N, C-alpha and C. Protein backbone atom coordinates (compact mmCIF):
# COMPACT_ATOMS: atom_id res chain seq x y z
N UNK A 1 3.31 -7.12 1.82
CA UNK A 1 2.87 -6.72 0.59
C UNK A 1 3.50 -5.14 0.00
N UNK A 2 3.59 -4.49 1.09
CA UNK A 2 3.99 -3.08 0.87
C UNK A 2 5.41 -3.02 0.46
N UNK A 3 6.24 -3.88 0.95
CA UNK A 3 7.50 -3.98 0.48
C UNK A 3 7.54 -4.47 -1.18
N UNK A 4 6.50 -5.30 -1.53
CA UNK A 4 6.65 -5.64 -2.90
C UNK A 4 6.05 -4.65 -3.80
N UNK A 5 5.20 -3.76 -3.47
CA UNK A 5 4.83 -2.58 -4.02
C UNK A 5 6.02 -1.63 -4.31
N UNK A 6 6.68 -1.17 -3.23
CA UNK A 6 7.85 -0.32 -3.27
C UNK A 6 8.77 -1.00 -4.23
N UNK A 7 9.09 -2.29 -4.11
CA UNK A 7 10.03 -2.87 -5.19
C UNK A 7 9.63 -2.85 -6.63
N UNK A 8 8.44 -3.08 -6.90
CA UNK A 8 7.67 -2.87 -8.03
C UNK A 8 7.93 -1.45 -8.76
N UNK A 9 7.51 -0.42 -7.93
CA UNK A 9 7.53 0.86 -8.27
C UNK A 9 8.94 1.35 -8.64
N UNK A 10 9.77 0.92 -7.83
CA UNK A 10 11.10 1.35 -7.96
C UNK A 10 11.77 0.62 -9.08
N UNK A 11 11.38 -0.56 -9.28
CA UNK A 11 11.98 -1.07 -10.68
C UNK A 11 11.33 -0.55 -11.89
N UNK A 12 10.05 -0.18 -11.86
CA UNK A 12 9.58 0.40 -13.07
C UNK A 12 10.04 1.82 -13.32
N UNK A 13 10.14 2.50 -12.21
CA UNK A 13 10.84 3.87 -12.60
C UNK A 13 12.37 3.87 -12.95
N UNK A 14 13.23 2.92 -12.13
CA UNK A 14 14.47 2.76 -12.49
C UNK A 14 14.81 2.32 -13.82
N UNK A 15 13.83 1.33 -14.14
CA UNK A 15 14.36 0.72 -15.56
C UNK A 15 13.81 1.66 -16.63
N UNK A 16 12.97 2.35 -16.49
CA UNK A 16 12.67 3.54 -17.51
C UNK A 16 13.97 4.41 -17.52
N UNK A 17 14.22 4.70 -16.39
CA UNK A 17 15.51 5.67 -16.28
C UNK A 17 16.66 5.11 -17.17
N UNK A 18 16.85 3.82 -16.80
CA UNK A 18 18.01 2.93 -17.40
C UNK A 18 17.88 3.02 -18.96
N UNK A 19 16.81 2.75 -19.39
CA UNK A 19 16.69 2.46 -20.86
C UNK A 19 16.82 4.04 -21.67
N UNK A 20 16.24 5.20 -20.92
CA UNK A 20 16.63 6.39 -21.30
C UNK A 20 18.04 6.74 -21.40
N UNK A 21 18.72 6.23 -20.41
CA UNK A 21 20.31 6.38 -20.36
C UNK A 21 21.03 5.62 -21.46
N UNK A 22 20.51 4.40 -21.50
CA UNK A 22 20.96 3.55 -22.86
C UNK A 22 20.90 4.17 -23.94
N UNK A 23 19.70 4.80 -24.36
CA UNK A 23 19.34 5.58 -25.64
C UNK A 23 20.28 6.94 -25.64
N UNK A 24 20.45 7.43 -24.75
CA UNK A 24 21.32 8.74 -24.53
C UNK A 24 22.67 8.05 -25.11
N UNK A 25 23.34 6.97 -24.46
CA UNK A 25 24.69 6.78 -24.94
C UNK A 25 24.46 6.28 -26.44
N UNK A 26 23.51 5.61 -26.85
CA UNK A 26 23.30 5.23 -28.31
C UNK A 26 23.23 6.48 -29.12
N UNK A 27 22.60 7.34 -28.68
CA UNK A 27 22.66 8.66 -29.44
C UNK A 27 23.76 9.42 -29.53
N UNK A 28 24.73 9.45 -28.74
CA UNK A 28 26.02 9.98 -28.99
C UNK A 28 26.92 9.26 -30.14
N UNK A 29 26.78 7.83 -30.05
CA UNK A 29 27.28 7.18 -31.12
C UNK A 29 26.68 7.32 -32.57
N UNK A 30 25.01 7.41 -32.42
CA UNK A 30 24.67 7.47 -33.79
C UNK A 30 24.38 8.85 -34.34
N UNK A 31 24.56 9.92 -33.25
CA UNK A 31 24.44 11.30 -33.66
C UNK A 31 23.03 11.88 -33.73
N UNK A 32 22.16 11.04 -33.21
CA UNK A 32 20.79 11.49 -33.25
C UNK A 32 20.09 10.63 -31.97
N UNK A 33 19.03 11.23 -31.41
CA UNK A 33 18.38 10.53 -30.36
C UNK A 33 17.14 10.05 -30.70
N UNK A 34 17.04 8.79 -30.61
CA UNK A 34 15.69 8.05 -30.83
C UNK A 34 15.53 6.80 -29.72
N UNK A 35 14.27 6.63 -29.31
CA UNK A 35 14.15 5.52 -28.33
C UNK A 35 14.17 4.27 -28.90
N UNK A 36 14.86 3.45 -28.58
CA UNK A 36 14.77 1.88 -29.44
C UNK A 36 14.99 1.18 -28.07
N UNK A 37 14.61 -0.15 -28.23
CA UNK A 37 14.94 -1.20 -26.97
C UNK A 37 16.40 -1.68 -27.33
N UNK A 38 17.21 -2.15 -26.24
CA UNK A 38 18.45 -2.72 -26.63
C UNK A 38 18.32 -4.32 -26.91
N UNK A 39 19.37 -4.97 -27.46
CA UNK A 39 19.24 -6.15 -27.89
C UNK A 39 18.81 -7.06 -26.64
N UNK A 40 18.35 -8.28 -26.77
CA UNK A 40 17.86 -8.87 -25.76
C UNK A 40 18.71 -9.22 -24.54
N UNK A 41 19.97 -9.76 -24.97
CA UNK A 41 20.97 -9.72 -24.00
C UNK A 41 21.43 -8.66 -23.15
N UNK A 42 21.43 -7.59 -23.62
CA UNK A 42 21.70 -6.12 -23.16
C UNK A 42 20.62 -5.78 -22.15
N UNK A 43 19.30 -5.82 -22.70
CA UNK A 43 18.13 -5.57 -21.83
C UNK A 43 17.95 -6.62 -20.66
N UNK A 44 18.47 -7.77 -20.64
CA UNK A 44 18.56 -8.83 -19.46
C UNK A 44 19.63 -8.13 -18.42
N UNK A 45 20.79 -7.75 -18.94
CA UNK A 45 21.55 -7.20 -17.92
C UNK A 45 21.14 -5.91 -17.30
N UNK A 46 20.48 -4.98 -18.08
CA UNK A 46 20.01 -3.78 -17.48
C UNK A 46 19.09 -4.09 -16.50
N UNK A 47 18.03 -5.12 -16.95
CA UNK A 47 16.92 -5.41 -16.03
C UNK A 47 17.33 -6.14 -14.68
N UNK A 48 18.66 -6.87 -14.70
CA UNK A 48 19.19 -7.59 -13.62
C UNK A 48 19.68 -6.65 -12.52
N UNK A 49 20.38 -5.73 -13.24
CA UNK A 49 21.06 -4.60 -12.26
C UNK A 49 19.75 -3.78 -11.57
N UNK A 50 18.86 -3.51 -12.41
CA UNK A 50 17.78 -2.67 -11.91
C UNK A 50 17.04 -3.50 -11.11
N UNK A 51 16.65 -4.82 -11.07
CA UNK A 51 15.92 -5.63 -10.25
C UNK A 51 16.71 -5.70 -8.85
N UNK A 52 18.17 -5.82 -8.92
CA UNK A 52 18.97 -6.08 -7.76
C UNK A 52 18.67 -4.75 -6.70
N UNK A 53 18.84 -3.60 -7.54
CA UNK A 53 18.92 -2.56 -6.85
C UNK A 53 17.47 -2.02 -6.18
N UNK A 54 16.40 -2.36 -7.11
CA UNK A 54 15.03 -2.50 -6.59
C UNK A 54 14.83 -3.12 -5.22
N UNK A 55 15.20 -4.18 -5.42
CA UNK A 55 15.09 -5.12 -4.11
C UNK A 55 15.74 -4.73 -2.92
N UNK A 56 16.99 -4.23 -3.05
CA UNK A 56 17.71 -3.68 -2.18
C UNK A 56 16.98 -2.26 -1.57
N UNK A 57 16.53 -1.56 -2.41
CA UNK A 57 15.79 -0.25 -1.83
C UNK A 57 14.41 -0.95 -1.13
N UNK A 58 13.89 -1.81 -1.39
CA UNK A 58 12.67 -2.46 -0.85
C UNK A 58 12.81 -2.92 0.55
N UNK A 59 14.09 -3.56 0.71
CA UNK A 59 14.61 -3.98 2.03
C UNK A 59 14.78 -2.75 2.84
N UNK A 60 15.56 -1.76 2.37
CA UNK A 60 15.94 -0.62 3.02
C UNK A 60 14.81 0.04 3.66
N UNK A 61 13.81 0.21 2.73
CA UNK A 61 12.52 1.10 2.98
C UNK A 61 11.89 0.29 4.29
N UNK A 62 11.81 -1.05 4.06
CA UNK A 62 11.09 -1.92 5.05
C UNK A 62 11.85 -1.81 6.56
N UNK A 63 13.14 -1.75 6.49
CA UNK A 63 14.31 -1.85 7.53
C UNK A 63 14.24 -0.49 8.27
N UNK A 64 13.97 0.28 7.53
CA UNK A 64 14.26 1.92 8.15
C UNK A 64 13.27 2.21 9.28
N UNK A 65 11.81 2.18 9.00
CA UNK A 65 11.13 2.71 9.98
C UNK A 65 11.27 1.71 11.54
N UNK A 66 11.72 0.38 11.34
CA UNK A 66 11.87 -0.19 12.48
C UNK A 66 13.24 0.37 13.31
N UNK A 67 14.20 0.59 12.56
CA UNK A 67 15.36 1.35 13.13
C UNK A 67 14.95 2.67 13.49
N UNK A 68 14.39 3.49 13.06
CA UNK A 68 14.03 4.68 13.68
C UNK A 68 12.93 4.66 14.90
N UNK A 69 12.18 3.66 14.86
CA UNK A 69 11.23 3.53 16.17
C UNK A 69 12.02 3.17 17.24
N UNK A 70 13.07 2.34 17.11
CA UNK A 70 13.84 2.01 18.23
C UNK A 70 14.65 3.01 18.77
N UNK A 71 15.07 4.10 18.19
CA UNK A 71 15.84 5.18 18.47
C UNK A 71 15.14 6.28 19.14
N UNK A 72 13.85 6.25 18.89
CA UNK A 72 12.93 7.36 19.55
C UNK A 72 12.24 6.87 20.79
């Protein structure tokens, strides 16, 4: 359950960051910054990449204490 919480929190934080970076790139093209949602296909790509790295982060967090305990 803890692994799922870490993955969910990581996804929420990183997805927010990804959307801000998306809007920063759009602002450069538009000449002004305003928060907008990307088109559905682009949003799906951003979410897929973010979800992949969130799962990897959750797995690493879960595995790390086991590795540290065996070394001590």
